[in-house]
Amino acid sequence: VFIEGVVPAISTAIQAFTKEGDAVLINTPVYPP
């Protein structure tokens, strides 16, 4: 699947597979976006 960048892809995945208030995990420190 093509998209303009990996940051829009991350946001797209968040929007498609979670809802407001759901928990999303990252390992820090990490790329700010």
PDB file of all heavy atoms in Angstrom:
ATOM      1  N   VAL A   1       0.865  -1.179   0.000  1.00  0.00           N
ATOM      2  CA  VAL A   1       0.000   0.000   0.000  1.00  0.00           C
ATOM      3  C   VAL A   1       0.902   1.229   0.000  1.00  0.00           C
ATOM      4  O   VAL A   1       1.880   1.278   0.748  1.00  0.00           O
ATOM      5  CB  VAL A   1      -0.916   0.030   1.241  1.00  0.00           C
ATOM      6  CG1 VAL A   1      -1.785   1.290   1.231  1.00  0.00           C
ATOM      7  CG2 VAL A   1      -1.777  -1.217   1.310  1.00  0.00           C
ATOM      8  N   PHE A   2       0.586   2.201  -0.835  1.00  0.00           N
ATOM      9  CA  PHE A   2       1.404   3.407  -0.908  1.00  0.00           C
ATOM     10  C   PHE A   2       0.752   4.554  -0.139  1.00  0.00           C
ATOM     11  O   PHE A   2      -0.469   4.697  -0.102  1.00  0.00           O
ATOM     12  CB  PHE A   2       1.607   3.837  -2.361  1.00  0.00           C
ATOM     13  CG  PHE A   2       2.418   2.870  -3.173  1.00  0.00           C
ATOM     14  CD1 PHE A   2       1.807   2.059  -4.115  1.00  0.00           C
ATOM     15  CD2 PHE A   2       3.788   2.762  -2.981  1.00  0.00           C
ATOM     16  CE1 PHE A   2       2.544   1.167  -4.873  1.00  0.00           C
ATOM     17  CE2 PHE A   2       4.538   1.866  -3.724  1.00  0.00           C
ATOM     18  CZ  PHE A   2       3.918   1.064  -4.673  1.00  0.00           C
ATOM     19  N   ILE A   3       1.606   5.356   0.473  1.00  0.00           N
ATOM     20  CA  ILE A   3       1.158   6.556   1.175  1.00  0.00           C
ATOM     21  C   ILE A   3       2.319   7.536   1.140  1.00  0.00           C
ATOM     22  O   ILE A   3       3.454   7.157   0.820  1.00  0.00           O
ATOM     23  CB  ILE A   3       0.720   6.213   2.623  1.00  0.00           C
ATOM     24  CG1 ILE A   3      -0.105   7.347   3.242  1.00  0.00           C
ATOM     25  CG2 ILE A   3       1.929   5.858   3.485  1.00  0.00           C
ATOM     26  CD1 ILE A   3      -0.794   6.941   4.558  1.00  0.00           C
ATOM     27  N   GLU A   4       2.078   8.805   1.462  1.00  0.00           N
ATOM     28  CA  GLU A   4       3.127   9.801   1.255  1.00  0.00           C
ATOM     29  C   GLU A   4       4.271   9.733   2.263  1.00  0.00           C
ATOM     30  O   GLU A   4       5.348  10.270   2.010  1.00  0.00           O
ATOM     31  CB  GLU A   4       2.531  11.221   1.240  1.00  0.00           C
ATOM     32  CG  GLU A   4       1.976  11.696   2.563  1.00  0.00           C
ATOM     33  CD  GLU A   4       0.493  11.441   2.708  1.00  0.00           C
ATOM     34  OE1 GLU A   4       0.000  10.404   2.229  1.00  0.00           O
ATOM     35  OE2 GLU A   4      -0.188  12.294   3.322  1.00  0.00           O
ATOM     36  N   GLY A   5       4.085   9.094   3.402  1.00  0.00           N
ATOM     37  CA  GLY A   5       5.169   9.026   4.379  1.00  0.00           C
ATOM     38  C   GLY A   5       4.855   8.053   5.500  1.00  0.00           C
ATOM     39  O   GLY A   5       3.692   7.663   5.690  1.00  0.00           O
ATOM     40  N   VAL A   6       5.876   7.688   6.271  1.00  0.00           N
ATOM     41  CA  VAL A   6       5.630   6.743   7.364  1.00  0.00           C
ATOM     42  C   VAL A   6       4.856   7.395   8.511  1.00  0.00           C
ATOM     43  O   VAL A   6       4.100   6.715   9.210  1.00  0.00           O
ATOM     44  CB  VAL A   6       6.945   6.114   7.886  1.00  0.00           C
ATOM     45  CG1 VAL A   6       7.634   5.310   6.810  1.00  0.00           C
ATOM     46  CG2 VAL A   6       7.876   7.147   8.472  1.00  0.00           C
ATOM     47  N   VAL A   7       5.026   8.685   8.728  1.00  0.00           N
ATOM     48  CA  VAL A   7       4.270   9.339   9.798  1.00  0.00           C
ATOM     49  C   VAL A   7       2.769   9.360   9.473  1.00  0.00           C
ATOM     50  O   VAL A   7       1.946   8.998  10.323  1.00  0.00           O
ATOM     51  CB  VAL A   7       4.812  10.751  10.080  1.00  0.00           C
ATOM     52  CG1 VAL A   7       3.927  11.470  11.097  1.00  0.00           C
ATOM     53  CG2 VAL A   7       6.247  10.682  10.603  1.00  0.00           C
ATOM     54  N   PRO A   8       2.367   9.745   8.256  1.00  0.00           N
ATOM     55  CA  PRO A   8       0.950   9.590   7.913  1.00  0.00           C
ATOM     56  C   PRO A   8       0.470   8.142   8.028  1.00  0.00           C
ATOM     57  O   PRO A   8      -0.686   7.896   8.387  1.00  0.00           O
ATOM     58  CB  PRO A   8       0.889  10.075   6.458  1.00  0.00           C
ATOM     59  CG  PRO A   8       2.012  11.035   6.338  1.00  0.00           C
ATOM     60  CD  PRO A   8       3.106  10.462   7.189  1.00  0.00           C
ATOM     61  N   ALA A   9       1.348   7.187   7.741  1.00  0.00           N
ATOM     62  CA  ALA A   9       0.968   5.778   7.863  1.00  0.00           C
ATOM     63  C   ALA A   9       0.699   5.411   9.315  1.00  0.00           C
ATOM     64  O   ALA A   9      -0.240   4.653   9.621  1.00  0.00           O
ATOM     65  CB  ALA A   9       2.063   4.887   7.287  1.00  0.00           C
ATOM     66  N   ILE A  10       1.515   5.928  10.234  1.00  0.00           N
ATOM     67  CA  ILE A  10       1.296   5.664  11.660  1.00  0.00           C
ATOM     68  C   ILE A  10      -0.042   6.240  12.099  1.00  0.00           C
ATOM     69  O   ILE A  10      -0.845   5.573  12.780  1.00  0.00           O
ATOM     70  CB  ILE A  10       2.448   6.247  12.492  1.00  0.00           C
ATOM     71  CG1 ILE A  10       3.734   5.447  12.236  1.00  0.00           C
ATOM     72  CG2 ILE A  10       2.110   6.231  13.984  1.00  0.00           C
ATOM     73  CD1 ILE A  10       4.986   6.090  12.810  1.00  0.00           C
ATOM     74  N   SER A  11      -0.315   7.471  11.704  1.00  0.00           N
ATOM     75  CA  SER A  11      -1.593   8.093  12.058  1.00  0.00           C
ATOM     76  C   SER A  11      -2.770   7.340  11.450  1.00  0.00           C
ATOM     77  O   SER A  11      -3.815   7.162  12.089  1.00  0.00           O
ATOM     78  CB  SER A  11      -1.629   9.551  11.600  1.00  0.00           C
ATOM     79  OG  SER A  11      -0.854  10.370  12.448  1.00  0.00           O
ATOM     80  N   THR A  12      -2.592   6.866  10.220  1.00  0.00           N
ATOM     81  CA  THR A  12      -3.654   6.106   9.556  1.00  0.00           C
ATOM     82  C   THR A  12      -3.950   4.820  10.320  1.00  0.00           C
ATOM     83  O   THR A  12      -5.118   4.447  10.517  1.00  0.00           O
ATOM     84  CB  THR A  12      -3.261   5.785   8.109  1.00  0.00           C
ATOM     85  OG1 THR A  12      -3.076   7.012   7.387  1.00  0.00           O
ATOM     86  CG2 THR A  12      -4.340   4.961   7.412  1.00  0.00           C
ATOM     87  N   ALA A  13      -2.910   4.120  10.755  1.00  0.00           N
ATOM     88  CA  ALA A  13      -3.098   2.891  11.524  1.00  0.00           C
ATOM     89  C   ALA A  13      -3.793   3.172  12.856  1.00  0.00           C
ATOM     90  O   ALA A  13      -4.677   2.424  13.280  1.00  0.00           O
ATOM     91  CB  ALA A  13      -1.752   2.213  11.764  1.00  0.00           C
ATOM     92  N   ILE A  14      -3.392   4.246  13.510  1.00  0.00           N
ATOM     93  CA  ILE A  14      -4.027   4.625  14.775  1.00  0.00           C
ATOM     94  C   ILE A  14      -5.508   4.888  14.562  1.00  0.00           C
ATOM     95  O   ILE A  14      -6.366   4.427  15.328  1.00  0.00           O
ATOM     96  CB  ILE A  14      -3.325   5.865  15.370  1.00  0.00           C
ATOM     97  CG1 ILE A  14      -1.919   5.495  15.862  1.00  0.00           C
ATOM     98  CG2 ILE A  14      -4.151   6.455  16.517  1.00  0.00           C
ATOM     99  CD1 ILE A  14      -1.072   6.689  16.262  1.00  0.00           C
ATOM    100  N   GLN A  15      -5.837   5.628  13.514  1.00  0.00           N
ATOM    101  CA  GLN A  15      -7.234   5.971  13.235  1.00  0.00           C
ATOM    102  C   GLN A  15      -8.056   4.754  12.819  1.00  0.00           C
ATOM    103  O   GLN A  15      -9.229   4.634  13.174  1.00  0.00           O
ATOM    104  CB  GLN A  15      -7.274   7.038  12.134  1.00  0.00           C
ATOM    105  CG  GLN A  15      -6.692   8.376  12.558  1.00  0.00           C
ATOM    106  CD  GLN A  15      -6.264   9.232  11.383  1.00  0.00           C
ATOM    107  OE1 GLN A  15      -6.488   8.891  10.222  1.00  0.00           O
ATOM    108  NE2 GLN A  15      -5.612  10.361  11.667  1.00  0.00           N
ATOM    109  N   ALA A  16      -7.437   3.853  12.076  1.00  0.00           N
ATOM    110  CA  ALA A  16      -8.176   2.710  11.537  1.00  0.00           C
ATOM    111  C   ALA A  16      -8.410   1.610  12.567  1.00  0.00           C
ATOM    112  O   ALA A  16      -9.427   0.902  12.491  1.00  0.00           O
ATOM    113  CB  ALA A  16      -7.429   2.133  10.333  1.00  0.00           C
ATOM    114  N   PHE A  17      -7.489   1.449  13.532  1.00  0.00           N
ATOM    115  CA  PHE A  17      -7.537   0.265  14.386  1.00  0.00           C
ATOM    116  C   PHE A  17      -7.673   0.552  15.879  1.00  0.00           C
ATOM    117  O   PHE A  17      -7.653  -0.370  16.691  1.00  0.00           O
ATOM    118  CB  PHE A  17      -6.301  -0.592  14.134  1.00  0.00           C
ATOM    119  CG  PHE A  17      -6.213  -1.069  12.713  1.00  0.00           C
ATOM    120  CD1 PHE A  17      -5.374  -0.441  11.802  1.00  0.00           C
ATOM    121  CD2 PHE A  17      -6.999  -2.120  12.267  1.00  0.00           C
ATOM    122  CE1 PHE A  17      -5.308  -0.854  10.483  1.00  0.00           C
ATOM    123  CE2 PHE A  17      -6.944  -2.546  10.947  1.00  0.00           C
ATOM    124  CZ  PHE A  17      -6.100  -1.914  10.053  1.00  0.00           C
ATOM    125  N   THR A  18      -7.802   1.821  16.228  1.00  0.00           N
ATOM    126  CA  THR A  18      -8.076   2.168  17.619  1.00  0.00           C
ATOM    127  C   THR A  18      -9.155   3.242  17.646  1.00  0.00           C
ATOM    128  O   THR A  18      -9.466   3.852  16.622  1.00  0.00           O
ATOM    129  CB  THR A  18      -6.820   2.696  18.341  1.00  0.00           C
ATOM    130  OG1 THR A  18      -6.421   3.956  17.757  1.00  0.00           O
ATOM    131  CG2 THR A  18      -5.661   1.706  18.240  1.00  0.00           C
ATOM    132  N   LYS A  19      -9.682   3.463  18.820  1.00  0.00           N
ATOM    133  CA  LYS A  19     -10.655   4.549  18.978  1.00  0.00           C
ATOM    134  C   LYS A  19     -10.140   5.514  20.038  1.00  0.00           C
ATOM    135  O   LYS A  19      -9.179   5.219  20.762  1.00  0.00           O
ATOM    136  CB  LYS A  19     -12.028   3.999  19.364  1.00  0.00           C
ATOM    137  CG  LYS A  19     -12.089   3.212  20.644  1.00  0.00           C
ATOM    138  CD  LYS A  19     -13.499   2.690  20.884  1.00  0.00           C
ATOM    139  CE  LYS A  19     -13.626   1.965  22.222  1.00  0.00           C
ATOM    140  NZ  LYS A  19     -12.803   0.731  22.275  1.00  0.00           N
ATOM    141  N   GLU A  20     -10.753   6.681  20.129  1.00  0.00           N
ATOM    142  CA  GLU A  20     -10.308   7.688  21.088  1.00  0.00           C
ATOM    143  C   GLU A  20     -10.266   7.096  22.491  1.00  0.00           C
ATOM    144  O   GLU A  20     -11.194   6.412  22.925  1.00  0.00           O
ATOM    145  CB  GLU A  20     -11.222   8.911  21.058  1.00  0.00           C
ATOM    146  CG  GLU A  20     -11.040   9.763  19.810  1.00  0.00           C
ATOM    147  CD  GLU A  20     -11.726  11.112  19.924  1.00  0.00           C
ATOM    148  OE1 GLU A  20     -12.070  11.515  21.065  1.00  0.00           O
ATOM    149  OE2 GLU A  20     -11.906  11.778  18.884  1.00  0.00           O
ATOM    150  N   GLY A  21      -9.157   7.357  23.184  1.00  0.00           N
ATOM    151  CA  GLY A  21      -8.980   6.846  24.535  1.00  0.00           C
ATOM    152  C   GLY A  21      -8.253   5.514  24.609  1.00  0.00           C
ATOM    153  O   GLY A  21      -7.806   5.115  25.692  1.00  0.00           O
ATOM    154  N   ASP A  22      -8.130   4.807  23.485  1.00  0.00           N
ATOM    155  CA  ASP A  22      -7.395   3.535  23.483  1.00  0.00           C
ATOM    156  C   ASP A  22      -5.908   3.776  23.726  1.00  0.00           C
ATOM    157  O   ASP A  22      -5.362   4.824  23.372  1.00  0.00           O
ATOM    158  CB  ASP A  22      -7.576   2.810  22.149  1.00  0.00           C
ATOM    159  CG  ASP A  22      -8.890   2.055  22.054  1.00  0.00           C
ATOM    160  OD1 ASP A  22      -9.568   1.926  23.082  1.00  0.00           O
ATOM    161  OD2 ASP A  22      -9.226   1.594  20.944  1.00  0.00           O
ATOM    162  N   ALA A  23      -5.260   2.775  24.294  1.00  0.00           N
ATOM    163  CA  ALA A  23      -3.836   2.889  24.614  1.00  0.00           C
ATOM    164  C   ALA A  23      -2.968   2.458  23.436  1.00  0.00           C
ATOM    165  O   ALA A  23      -3.181   1.394  22.845  1.00  0.00           O
ATOM    166  CB  ALA A  23      -3.508   2.053  25.840  1.00  0.00           C
ATOM    167  N   VAL A  24      -1.987   3.295  23.117  1.00  0.00           N
ATOM    168  CA  VAL A  24      -0.994   3.009  22.068  1.00  0.00           C
ATOM    169  C   VAL A  24       0.388   3.105  22.711  1.00  0.00           C
ATOM    170  O   VAL A  24       0.708   4.097  23.363  1.00  0.00           O
ATOM    171  CB  VAL A  24      -1.107   3.999  20.893  1.00  0.00           C
ATOM    172  CG1 VAL A  24      -0.039   3.701  19.846  1.00  0.00           C
ATOM    173  CG2 VAL A  24      -2.501   3.939  20.273  1.00  0.00           C
ATOM    174  N   LEU A  25       1.213   2.077  22.526  1.00  0.00           N
ATOM    175  CA  LEU A  25       2.507   1.995  23.211  1.00  0.00           C
ATOM    176  C   LEU A  25       3.665   2.301  22.276  1.00  0.00           C
ATOM    177  O   LEU A  25       3.671   1.883  21.110  1.00  0.00           O
ATOM    178  CB  LEU A  25       2.677   0.603  23.820  1.00  0.00           C
ATOM    179  CG  LEU A  25       3.939   0.346  24.650  1.00  0.00           C
ATOM    180  CD1 LEU A  25       3.625  -0.539  25.851  1.00  0.00           C
ATOM    181  CD2 LEU A  25       5.050  -0.297  23.801  1.00  0.00           C
ATOM    182  N   ILE A  26       4.654   3.019  22.802  1.00  0.00           N
ATOM    183  CA  ILE A  26       5.907   3.275  22.093  1.00  0.00           C
ATOM    184  C   ILE A  26       7.065   3.024  23.065  1.00  0.00           C
ATOM    185  O   ILE A  26       6.885   3.072  24.280  1.00  0.00           O
ATOM    186  CB  ILE A  26       5.980   4.719  21.550  1.00  0.00           C
ATOM    187  CG1 ILE A  26       5.935   5.738  22.699  1.00  0.00           C
ATOM    188  CG2 ILE A  26       4.862   4.973  20.550  1.00  0.00           C
ATOM    189  CD1 ILE A  26       6.100   7.194  22.247  1.00  0.00           C
ATOM    190  N   ASN A  27       8.246   2.750  22.519  1.00  0.00           N
ATOM    191  CA  ASN A  27       9.454   2.619  23.339  1.00  0.00           C
ATOM    192  C   ASN A  27      10.204   3.939  23.313  1.00  0.00           C
ATOM    193  O   ASN A  27      10.574   4.418  22.241  1.00  0.00           O
ATOM    194  CB  ASN A  27      10.373   1.522  22.794  1.00  0.00           C
ATOM    195  CG  ASN A  27       9.708   0.170  22.675  1.00  0.00           C
ATOM    196  OD1 ASN A  27       9.501  -0.326  21.573  1.00  0.00           O
ATOM    197  ND2 ASN A  27       9.380  -0.441  23.791  1.00  0.00           N
ATOM    198  N   THR A  28      10.454   4.528  24.470  1.00  0.00           N
ATOM    199  CA  THR A  28      11.130   5.819  24.518  1.00  0.00           C
ATOM    200  C   THR A  28      12.534   5.676  25.079  1.00  0.00           C
ATOM    201  O   THR A  28      12.800   4.775  25.867  1.00  0.00           O
ATOM    202  CB  THR A  28      10.334   6.812  25.380  1.00  0.00           C
ATOM    203  OG1 THR A  28      10.151   6.269  26.683  1.00  0.00           O
ATOM    204  CG2 THR A  28       8.983   7.117  24.763  1.00  0.00           C
ATOM    205  N   PRO A  29      13.452   6.583  24.651  1.00  0.00           N
ATOM    206  CA  PRO A  29      13.250   7.707  23.735  1.00  0.00           C
ATOM    207  C   PRO A  29      13.067   7.220  22.297  1.00  0.00           C
ATOM    208  O   PRO A  29      13.640   6.200  21.913  1.00  0.00           O
ATOM    209  CB  PRO A  29      14.548   8.513  23.870  1.00  0.00           C
ATOM    210  CG  PRO A  29      15.571   7.482  24.256  1.00  0.00           C
ATOM    211  CD  PRO A  29      14.859   6.507  25.127  1.00  0.00           C
ATOM    212  N   VAL A  30      12.282   7.979  21.528  1.00  0.00           N
ATOM    213  CA  VAL A  30      12.000   7.552  20.162  1.00  0.00           C
ATOM    214  C   VAL A  30      11.630   8.758  19.307  1.00  0.00           C
ATOM    215  O   VAL A  30      11.303   9.834  19.821  1.00  0.00           O
ATOM    216  CB  VAL A  30      10.881   6.487  20.144  1.00  0.00           C
ATOM    217  CG1 VAL A  30       9.507   7.132  20.397  1.00  0.00           C
ATOM    218  CG2 VAL A  30      10.876   5.681  18.842  1.00  0.00           C
ATOM    219  N   TYR A  31      11.693   8.560  18.003  1.00  0.00           N
ATOM    220  CA  TYR A  31      11.353   9.562  16.991  1.00  0.00           C
ATOM    221  C   TYR A  31      10.101  10.342  17.407  1.00  0.00           C
ATOM    222  O   TYR A  31       9.037   9.756  17.627  1.00  0.00           O
ATOM    223  CB  TYR A  31      11.139   8.819  15.684  1.00  0.00           C
ATOM    224  CG  TYR A  31      10.815   9.639  14.463  1.00  0.00           C
ATOM    225  CD1 TYR A  31      11.563  10.756  14.119  1.00  0.00           C
ATOM    226  CD2 TYR A  31       9.775   9.255  13.616  1.00  0.00           C
ATOM    227  CE1 TYR A  31      11.267  11.481  12.980  1.00  0.00           C
ATOM    228  CE2 TYR A  31       9.476   9.975  12.471  1.00  0.00           C
ATOM    229  CZ  TYR A  31      10.225  11.093  12.160  1.00  0.00           C
ATOM    230  OH  TYR A  31       9.935  11.809  11.025  1.00  0.00           O
ATOM    231  N   PRO A  32      10.198  11.680  17.552  1.00  0.00           N
ATOM    232  CA  PRO A  32       9.117  12.487  18.121  1.00  0.00           C
ATOM    233  C   PRO A  32       7.723  12.311  17.515  1.00  0.00           C
ATOM    234  O   PRO A  32       6.730  12.348  18.260  1.00  0.00           O
ATOM    235  CB  PRO A  32       9.629  13.925  17.943  1.00  0.00           C
ATOM    236  CG  PRO A  32      11.110  13.786  17.950  1.00  0.00           C
ATOM    237  CD  PRO A  32      11.405  12.486  17.256  1.00  0.00           C
ATOM    238  N   PRO A  33       7.569  12.134  16.182  1.00  0.00           N
ATOM    239  CA  PRO A  33       6.211  11.992  15.647  1.00  0.00           C
ATOM    240  C   PRO A  33       5.429  10.780  16.165  1.00  0.00           C
ATOM    241  O   PRO A  33       4.211  10.740  16.023  1.00  0.00           O
ATOM    242  CB  PRO A  33       6.443  11.887  14.134  1.00  0.00           C
ATOM    243  CG  PRO A  33       7.699  12.654  13.905  1.00  0.00           C
ATOM    244  CD  PRO A  33       8.554  12.312  15.087  1.00  0.00           C
TER     245      PRO A  33
END
